[in-house]
Amino acid sequence: MKNHIRPIDIAKRLKVSTGTLRSYERRGIVPATKRLDTGYRIYTEEHVAYFECIVAMSPGFGMDITSAVLKKLQQKKLDSALWIINETQAANYQEKELAANILKDLNNIVDPPSMENKQMTIGEVANKANIAASTIRYWEKEGYVISMRGDNKYRYFNSYQFIKILLMKLLENTVYSQESVQLKNSVRSLTEYNIEGAKRIVKECQEHLNKRNQEQLHGQYYLYQLCKKLGLN
């Protein structure tokens, strides 16, 4: 490639628009560019490496994490950038374990209607699931979970609704995609005590986590290539 690379050539290569490239620059996740006398931006091989990394990382990590990592690289803070990646992947593992535990609980249910017998307050659910009560109230407002009201007007959730809350927790940090939207809609559509339906959703979540893991590996390859380009490793 030439030292000065046209935005249109980069956009075609990465299958994005030139407007998308400019948006990355506005977000500060690629180094600022110089301009020709004509006003056109001057992109270099270093910019190309940044753009390739963004396009490769964002499907698995999302734009917020990708942006945070690349901003650290611009500051030459490689260790800080890698710890962000490490924290994200540790969360992935926790979600994998949560999915396995939900599936185990579902497999152990012998009498689904008996799940009605155990009622928990929103505070008890929040504490047991390690989720903010405000998040649970939001999910209820959006129709993902349903509570019953006692004589004291407090919210109570049965054991099946608790499982739906855990499913929503499992999906809470997924990178936005049509697939993640469909999974959340599937949780919303679950009828009471539909154990087999809940199992199918958990298995789809596990497949989604496996796919994300692979997408993150792909993104890390381009992150490594960018670090080599910047002389950071």
C-alpha atoms as a PDB file:
ATOM      1  CA  MET A   1       0.000   0.000   0.000  1.00  0.00           C
ATOM      2  CA  LYS A   2       0.984   3.618  -0.452  1.00  0.00           C
ATOM      3  CA  ASN A   3       1.953   5.690   2.574  1.00  0.00           C
ATOM      4  CA  HIS A   4      -1.237   7.708   2.210  1.00  0.00           C
ATOM      5  CA  ILE A   5      -4.317   5.536   1.876  1.00  0.00           C
ATOM      6  CA  ARG A   6      -7.706   6.727   0.669  1.00  0.00           C
ATOM      7  CA  PRO A   7     -10.658   6.272   3.019  1.00  0.00           C
ATOM      8  CA  ILE A   8     -12.704   4.687   0.240  1.00  0.00           C
ATOM      9  CA  ASP A   9     -10.064   1.976  -0.238  1.00  0.00           C
ATOM     10  CA  ILE A  10     -10.071   1.116   3.468  1.00  0.00           C
ATOM     11  CA  ALA A  11     -13.866   1.136   3.569  1.00  0.00           C
ATOM     12  CA  LYS A  12     -14.103  -1.258   0.614  1.00  0.00           C
ATOM     13  CA  ARG A  13     -11.501  -3.555   2.102  1.00  0.00           C
ATOM     14  CA  LEU A  14     -13.323  -3.763   5.455  1.00  0.00           C
ATOM     15  CA  LYS A  15     -16.838  -3.687   3.954  1.00  0.00           C
ATOM     16  CA  VAL A  16     -17.874  -0.594   5.911  1.00  0.00           C
ATOM     17  CA  SER A  17     -18.761   2.944   4.862  1.00  0.00           C
ATOM     18  CA  THR A  18     -16.394   5.905   4.910  1.00  0.00           C
ATOM     19  CA  GLY A  19     -18.861   7.484   7.342  1.00  0.00           C
ATOM     20  CA  THR A  20     -18.215   4.566   9.715  1.00  0.00           C
ATOM     21  CA  LEU A  21     -14.479   5.231   9.529  1.00  0.00           C
ATOM     22  CA  ARG A  22     -15.105   8.882  10.378  1.00  0.00           C
ATOM     23  CA  SER A  23     -17.309   7.877  13.304  1.00  0.00           C
ATOM     24  CA  TYR A  24     -14.465   5.774  14.735  1.00  0.00           C
ATOM     25  CA  GLU A  25     -12.204   8.799  14.462  1.00  0.00           C
ATOM     26  CA  ARG A  26     -14.768  11.024  16.205  1.00  0.00           C
ATOM     27  CA  ARG A  27     -14.983   8.509  19.062  1.00  0.00           C
ATOM     28  CA  GLY A  28     -11.236   8.813  19.533  1.00  0.00           C
ATOM     29  CA  ILE A  29     -10.516   5.131  18.970  1.00  0.00           C
ATOM     30  CA  VAL A  30      -8.127   5.724  16.096  1.00  0.00           C
ATOM     31  CA  PRO A  31      -5.336   8.305  16.067  1.00  0.00           C
ATOM     32  CA  ALA A  32      -6.192  11.723  14.694  1.00  0.00           C
ATOM     33  CA  THR A  33      -5.479  12.115  10.986  1.00  0.00           C
ATOM     34  CA  LYS A  34      -3.682  14.795   9.060  1.00  0.00           C
ATOM     35  CA  ARG A  35      -5.308  16.328   5.990  1.00  0.00           C
ATOM     36  CA  LEU A  36      -4.214  17.195   2.502  1.00  0.00           C
ATOM     37  CA  ASP A  37      -4.577  20.746   1.210  1.00  0.00           C
ATOM     38  CA  THR A  38      -7.770  19.559  -0.443  1.00  0.00           C
ATOM     39  CA  GLY A  39      -9.207  18.660   2.971  1.00  0.00           C
ATOM     40  CA  TYR A  40      -9.106  14.893   2.479  1.00  0.00           C
ATOM     41  CA  ARG A  41      -7.970  12.809   5.417  1.00  0.00           C
ATOM     42  CA  ILE A  42      -4.574  11.096   5.232  1.00  0.00           C
ATOM     43  CA  TYR A  43      -4.734   7.535   6.516  1.00  0.00           C
ATOM     44  CA  THR A  44      -1.618   5.431   7.078  1.00  0.00           C
ATOM     45  CA  GLU A  45      -0.897   1.731   7.612  1.00  0.00           C
ATOM     46  CA  GLU A  46      -1.224   2.369  11.334  1.00  0.00           C
ATOM     47  CA  HIS A  47      -4.753   3.684  10.832  1.00  0.00           C
ATOM     48  CA  VAL A  48      -5.572   0.622   8.744  1.00  0.00           C
ATOM     49  CA  ALA A  49      -4.411  -1.633  11.591  1.00  0.00           C
ATOM     50  CA  TYR A  50      -6.657   0.260  14.014  1.00  0.00           C
ATOM     51  CA  PHE A  51      -9.649   0.004  11.675  1.00  0.00           C
ATOM     52  CA  GLU A  52      -9.060  -3.712  11.106  1.00  0.00           C
ATOM     53  CA  CYS A  53      -8.888  -4.239  14.864  1.00  0.00           C
ATOM     54  CA  ILE A  54     -12.144  -2.373  15.479  1.00  0.00           C
ATOM     55  CA  VAL A  55     -14.028  -4.335  12.835  1.00  0.00           C
ATOM     56  CA  ALA A  56     -12.619  -7.632  14.151  1.00  0.00           C
ATOM     57  CA  MET A  57     -13.100  -6.945  17.868  1.00  0.00           C
ATOM     58  CA  SER A  58     -16.525  -5.302  17.962  1.00  0.00           C
ATOM     59  CA  PRO A  59     -18.633  -8.422  17.159  1.00  0.00           C
ATOM     60  CA  GLY A  60     -17.215 -10.328  20.137  1.00  0.00           C
ATOM     61  CA  PHE A  61     -16.444  -7.534  22.584  1.00  0.00           C
ATOM     62  CA  GLY A  62     -18.873  -4.774  21.607  1.00  0.00           C
ATOM     63  CA  MET A  63     -17.947  -1.174  20.851  1.00  0.00           C
ATOM     64  CA  ASP A  64     -17.623  -0.023  24.472  1.00  0.00           C
ATOM     65  CA  ILE A  65     -14.939  -2.588  25.348  1.00  0.00           C
ATOM     66  CA  THR A  66     -13.256  -2.223  21.947  1.00  0.00           C
ATOM     67  CA  SER A  67     -13.128   1.553  22.384  1.00  0.00           C
ATOM     68  CA  ALA A  68     -11.717   1.301  25.907  1.00  0.00           C
ATOM     69  CA  VAL A  69      -8.988  -1.109  24.788  1.00  0.00           C
ATOM     70  CA  LEU A  70      -7.901   0.923  21.766  1.00  0.00           C
ATOM     71  CA  LYS A  71      -7.809   4.164  23.725  1.00  0.00           C
ATOM     72  CA  LYS A  72      -5.420   2.490  26.180  1.00  0.00           C
ATOM     73  CA  LEU A  73      -3.219   1.412  23.268  1.00  0.00           C
ATOM     74  CA  GLN A  74      -3.052   4.993  22.002  1.00  0.00           C
ATOM     75  CA  GLN A  75      -1.791   5.926  25.457  1.00  0.00           C
ATOM     76  CA  LYS A  76       0.805   3.108  25.209  1.00  0.00           C
ATOM     77  CA  LYS A  77      -0.846   1.369  28.185  1.00  0.00           C
ATOM     78  CA  LEU A  78      -0.740  -2.206  26.922  1.00  0.00           C
ATOM     79  CA  ASP A  79      -1.131  -3.842  30.341  1.00  0.00           C
ATOM     80  CA  SER A  80      -4.235  -1.783  31.110  1.00  0.00           C
ATOM     81  CA  ALA A  81      -5.703  -2.751  27.741  1.00  0.00           C
ATOM     82  CA  LEU A  82      -5.031  -6.445  28.329  1.00  0.00           C
ATOM     83  CA  TRP A  83      -6.631  -6.363  31.784  1.00  0.00           C
ATOM     84  CA  ILE A  84      -9.809  -4.996  30.222  1.00  0.00           C
ATOM     85  CA  ILE A  85      -9.787  -8.008  27.885  1.00  0.00           C
ATOM     86  CA  ASN A  86      -9.057 -10.324  30.815  1.00  0.00           C
ATOM     87  CA  GLU A  87     -11.959  -8.946  32.863  1.00  0.00           C
ATOM     88  CA  THR A  88     -14.336  -9.367  29.922  1.00  0.00           C
ATOM     89  CA  GLN A  89     -13.329 -12.970  29.389  1.00  0.00           C
ATOM     90  CA  ALA A  90     -13.599 -13.738  33.098  1.00  0.00           C
ATOM     91  CA  ALA A  91     -17.196 -12.502  32.876  1.00  0.00           C
ATOM     92  CA  ASN A  92     -17.721 -14.807  29.890  1.00  0.00           C
ATOM     93  CA  TYR A  93     -16.656 -17.771  32.009  1.00  0.00           C
ATOM     94  CA  GLN A  94     -19.015 -16.761  34.807  1.00  0.00           C
ATOM     95  CA  GLU A  95     -21.870 -16.633  32.306  1.00  0.00           C
ATOM     96  CA  LYS A  96     -20.902 -20.078  31.016  1.00  0.00           C
ATOM     97  CA  GLU A  97     -21.070 -21.420  34.581  1.00  0.00           C
ATOM     98  CA  LEU A  98     -24.400 -19.667  35.194  1.00  0.00           C
ATOM     99  CA  ALA A  99     -25.877 -21.276  32.063  1.00  0.00           C
ATOM    100  CA  ALA A 100     -24.713 -24.715  33.206  1.00  0.00           C
ATOM    101  CA  ASN A 101     -26.223 -24.183  36.677  1.00  0.00           C
ATOM    102  CA  ILE A 102     -29.561 -23.015  35.262  1.00  0.00           C
ATOM    103  CA  LEU A 103     -29.733 -26.072  33.028  1.00  0.00           C
ATOM    104  CA  LYS A 104     -28.868 -28.322  35.976  1.00  0.00           C
ATOM    105  CA  ASP A 105     -31.679 -26.776  38.046  1.00  0.00           C
ATOM    106  CA  LEU A 106     -34.147 -27.205  35.183  1.00  0.00           C
ATOM    107  CA  ASN A 107     -33.172 -30.857  34.757  1.00  0.00           C
ATOM    108  CA  ASN A 108     -33.796 -31.458  38.471  1.00  0.00           C
ATOM    109  CA  ILE A 109     -37.390 -30.172  38.376  1.00  0.00           C
ATOM    110  CA  VAL A 110     -39.797 -33.090  38.829  1.00  0.00           C
ATOM    111  CA  ASP A 111     -43.082 -31.286  39.500  1.00  0.00           C
ATOM    112  CA  PRO A 112     -43.191 -27.891  37.698  1.00  0.00           C
ATOM    113  CA  PRO A 113     -46.456 -26.648  39.335  1.00  0.00           C
ATOM    114  CA  SER A 114     -44.825 -27.051  42.744  1.00  0.00           C
ATOM    115  CA  MET A 115     -42.569 -24.129  41.784  1.00  0.00           C
ATOM    116  CA  GLU A 116     -45.506 -21.917  42.709  1.00  0.00           C
ATOM    117  CA  ASN A 117     -45.097 -22.882  46.357  1.00  0.00           C
ATOM    118  CA  LYS A 118     -41.844 -21.016  46.923  1.00  0.00           C
ATOM    119  CA  GLN A 119     -42.362 -17.279  46.771  1.00  0.00           C
ATOM    120  CA  MET A 120     -39.549 -14.749  47.164  1.00  0.00           C
ATOM    121  CA  THR A 121     -39.670 -11.003  47.629  1.00  0.00           C
ATOM    122  CA  ILE A 122     -37.869  -8.820  45.121  1.00  0.00           C
ATOM    123  CA  GLY A 123     -35.213  -8.169  47.768  1.00  0.00           C
ATOM    124  CA  GLU A 124     -34.649 -11.881  48.284  1.00  0.00           C
ATOM    125  CA  VAL A 125     -34.464 -12.471  44.520  1.00  0.00           C
ATOM    126  CA  ALA A 126     -32.054  -9.570  44.039  1.00  0.00           C
ATOM    127  CA  ASN A 127     -29.803 -10.885  46.798  1.00  0.00           C
ATOM    128  CA  LYS A 128     -29.895 -14.513  45.645  1.00  0.00           C
ATOM    129  CA  ALA A 129     -29.324 -13.674  41.966  1.00  0.00           C
ATOM    130  CA  ASN A 130     -26.897 -10.810  42.700  1.00  0.00           C
ATOM    131  CA  ILE A 131     -28.910  -8.408  40.551  1.00  0.00           C
ATOM    132  CA  ALA A 132     -30.103  -4.899  41.405  1.00  0.00           C
ATOM    133  CA  ALA A 133     -33.770  -4.763  42.380  1.00  0.00           C
ATOM    134  CA  SER A 134     -34.187  -1.838  39.972  1.00  0.00           C
ATOM    135  CA  THR A 135     -33.053  -4.104  37.116  1.00  0.00           C
ATOM    136  CA  ILE A 136     -35.649  -6.730  38.061  1.00  0.00           C
ATOM    137  CA  ARG A 137     -38.376  -4.061  38.198  1.00  0.00           C
ATOM    138  CA  TYR A 138     -37.326  -2.902  34.731  1.00  0.00           C
ATOM    139  CA  TRP A 139     -37.506  -6.468  33.376  1.00  0.00           C
ATOM    140  CA  GLU A 140     -40.974  -6.808  34.877  1.00  0.00           C
ATOM    141  CA  LYS A 141     -42.063  -3.533  33.295  1.00  0.00           C
ATOM    142  CA  GLU A 142     -40.833  -4.785  29.918  1.00  0.00           C
ATOM    143  CA  GLY A 143     -42.729  -8.070  30.341  1.00  0.00           C
ATOM    144  CA  TYR A 144     -39.770 -10.432  30.679  1.00  0.00           C
ATOM    145  CA  VAL A 145     -40.809 -11.592  34.157  1.00  0.00           C
ATOM    146  CA  ILE A 146     -44.044 -11.522  36.146  1.00  0.00           C
ATOM    147  CA  SER A 147     -44.560 -11.018  39.860  1.00  0.00           C
ATOM    148  CA  MET A 148     -47.517 -11.599  42.125  1.00  0.00           C
ATOM    149  CA  ARG A 149     -48.657  -9.012  44.669  1.00  0.00           C
ATOM    150  CA  GLY A 150     -49.279 -10.090  48.246  1.00  0.00           C
ATOM    151  CA  ASP A 151     -51.777  -8.561  50.646  1.00  0.00           C
ATOM    152  CA  ASN A 152     -49.040  -6.147  51.670  1.00  0.00           C
ATOM    153  CA  LYS A 153     -48.710  -5.079  47.977  1.00  0.00           C
ATOM    154  CA  TYR A 154     -45.103  -6.343  47.855  1.00  0.00           C
ATOM    155  CA  ARG A 155     -43.830  -8.127  44.752  1.00  0.00           C
ATOM    156  CA  TYR A 156     -43.333 -11.881  45.025  1.00  0.00           C
ATOM    157  CA  PHE A 157     -41.662 -14.119  42.451  1.00  0.00           C
ATOM    158  CA  ASN A 158     -42.099 -17.896  42.283  1.00  0.00           C
ATOM    159  CA  SER A 159     -39.268 -20.311  41.487  1.00  0.00           C
ATOM    160  CA  TYR A 160     -40.037 -20.387  37.764  1.00  0.00           C
ATOM    161  CA  GLN A 161     -39.936 -16.590  37.504  1.00  0.00           C
ATOM    162  CA  PHE A 162     -36.636 -16.712  39.389  1.00  0.00           C
ATOM    163  CA  ILE A 163     -35.262 -18.941  36.628  1.00  0.00           C
ATOM    164  CA  LYS A 164     -36.466 -16.421  34.028  1.00  0.00           C
ATOM    165  CA  ILE A 165     -34.649 -13.704  35.978  1.00  0.00           C
ATOM    166  CA  LEU A 166     -31.453 -15.786  35.833  1.00  0.00           C
ATOM    167  CA  LEU A 167     -31.964 -16.186  32.082  1.00  0.00           C
ATOM    168  CA  MET A 168     -32.203 -12.419  31.711  1.00  0.00           C
ATOM    169  CA  LYS A 169     -29.058 -12.046  33.807  1.00  0.00           C
ATOM    170  CA  LEU A 170     -27.352 -14.463  31.431  1.00  0.00           C
ATOM    171  CA  LEU A 171     -28.315 -12.207  28.511  1.00  0.00           C
ATOM    172  CA  GLU A 172     -27.668  -8.899  30.261  1.00  0.00           C
ATOM    173  CA  ASN A 173     -24.111  -8.370  29.003  1.00  0.00           C
ATOM    174  CA  THR A 174     -24.446  -9.859  25.527  1.00  0.00           C
ATOM    175  CA  VAL A 175     -23.231  -7.738  22.629  1.00  0.00           C
ATOM    176  CA  TYR A 176     -26.273  -6.256  20.924  1.00  0.00           C
ATOM    177  CA  SER A 177     -27.307  -8.273  17.884  1.00  0.00           C
ATOM    178  CA  GLN A 178     -30.447  -9.645  16.261  1.00  0.00           C
ATOM    179  CA  GLU A 179     -29.648 -12.963  17.908  1.00  0.00           C
ATOM    180  CA  SER A 180     -29.477 -11.453  21.413  1.00  0.00           C
ATOM    181  CA  VAL A 181     -32.765  -9.603  20.827  1.00  0.00           C
ATOM    182  CA  GLN A 182     -34.434 -12.847  19.743  1.00  0.00           C
ATOM    183  CA  LEU A 183     -33.171 -14.657  22.845  1.00  0.00           C
ATOM    184  CA  LYS A 184     -34.605 -11.970  25.127  1.00  0.00           C
ATOM    185  CA  ASN A 185     -37.913 -12.114  23.257  1.00  0.00           C
ATOM    186  CA  SER A 186     -37.919 -15.890  23.764  1.00  0.00           C
ATOM    187  CA  VAL A 187     -37.602 -15.356  27.518  1.00  0.00           C
ATOM    188  CA  ARG A 188     -40.481 -12.875  27.416  1.00  0.00           C
ATOM    189  CA  SER A 189     -42.637 -15.381  25.523  1.00  0.00           C
ATOM    190  CA  LEU A 190     -42.054 -18.271  27.935  1.00  0.00           C
ATOM    191  CA  THR A 191     -45.322 -19.432  29.463  1.00  0.00           C
ATOM    192  CA  GLU A 192     -45.479 -20.425  33.127  1.00  0.00           C
ATOM    193  CA  TYR A 193     -43.725 -23.726  33.938  1.00  0.00           C
ATOM    194  CA  ASN A 194     -42.531 -24.273  30.347  1.00  0.00           C
ATOM    195  CA  ILE A 195     -39.476 -26.193  31.470  1.00  0.00           C
ATOM    196  CA  GLU A 196     -38.567 -27.560  28.040  1.00  0.00           C
ATOM    197  CA  GLY A 197     -38.812 -24.095  26.535  1.00  0.00           C
ATOM    198  CA  ALA A 198     -36.508 -22.722  29.224  1.00  0.00           C
ATOM    199  CA  LYS A 199     -34.032 -25.532  28.537  1.00  0.00           C
ATOM    200  CA  ARG A 200     -34.002 -24.675  24.829  1.00  0.00           C
ATOM    201  CA  ILE A 201     -33.225 -21.046  25.625  1.00  0.00           C
ATOM    202  CA  VAL A 202     -30.351 -22.029  27.934  1.00  0.00           C
ATOM    203  CA  LYS A 203     -28.872 -24.246  25.211  1.00  0.00           C
ATOM    204  CA  GLU A 204     -29.212 -21.413  22.680  1.00  0.00           C
ATOM    205  CA  CYS A 205     -27.455 -19.122  25.174  1.00  0.00           C
ATOM    206  CA  GLN A 206     -24.644 -21.651  25.493  1.00  0.00           C
ATOM    207  CA  GLU A 207     -24.259 -21.710  21.714  1.00  0.00           C
ATOM    208  CA  HIS A 208     -24.258 -17.903  21.740  1.00  0.00           C
ATOM    209  CA  LEU A 209     -21.501 -17.883  24.386  1.00  0.00           C
ATOM    210  CA  ASN A 210     -19.424 -20.343  22.347  1.00  0.00           C
ATOM    211  CA  LYS A 211     -19.830 -18.151  19.273  1.00  0.00           C
ATOM    212  CA  ARG A 212     -18.835 -15.055  21.258  1.00  0.00           C
ATOM    213  CA  ASN A 213     -15.755 -16.866  22.544  1.00  0.00           C
ATOM    214  CA  GLN A 214     -14.678 -17.616  18.975  1.00  0.00           C
ATOM    215  CA  GLU A 215     -15.411 -14.049  17.840  1.00  0.00           C
ATOM    216  CA  GLN A 216     -13.269 -12.744  20.681  1.00  0.00           C
ATOM    217  CA  LEU A 217     -10.408 -15.004  19.639  1.00  0.00           C
ATOM    218  CA  HIS A 218     -10.676 -13.580  16.121  1.00  0.00           C
ATOM    219  CA  GLY A 219     -10.652 -10.048  17.535  1.00  0.00           C
ATOM    220  CA  GLN A 220      -7.637 -10.764  19.717  1.00  0.00           C
ATOM    221  CA  TYR A 221      -5.643 -11.874  16.690  1.00  0.00           C
ATOM    222  CA  TYR A 222      -6.132  -8.431  15.138  1.00  0.00           C
ATOM    223  CA  LEU A 223      -5.409  -6.791  18.480  1.00  0.00           C
ATOM    224  CA  TYR A 224      -2.097  -8.656  18.543  1.00  0.00           C
ATOM    225  CA  GLN A 225      -1.341  -7.507  14.998  1.00  0.00           C
ATOM    226  CA  LEU A 226      -2.098  -3.905  15.985  1.00  0.00           C
ATOM    227  CA  CYS A 227       0.190  -4.165  19.011  1.00  0.00           C
ATOM    228  CA  LYS A 228       2.988  -5.427  16.724  1.00  0.00           C
ATOM    229  CA  LYS A 229       2.391  -2.499  14.391  1.00  0.00           C
ATOM    230  CA  LEU A 230       2.630  -0.096  17.330  1.00  0.00           C
ATOM    231  CA  GLY A 231       5.718  -1.831  18.756  1.00  0.00           C
ATOM    232  CA  LEU A 232       3.912  -2.624  22.027  1.00  0.00           C
ATOM    233  CA  ASN A 233       4.831  -6.309  22.300  1.00  0.00           C
END
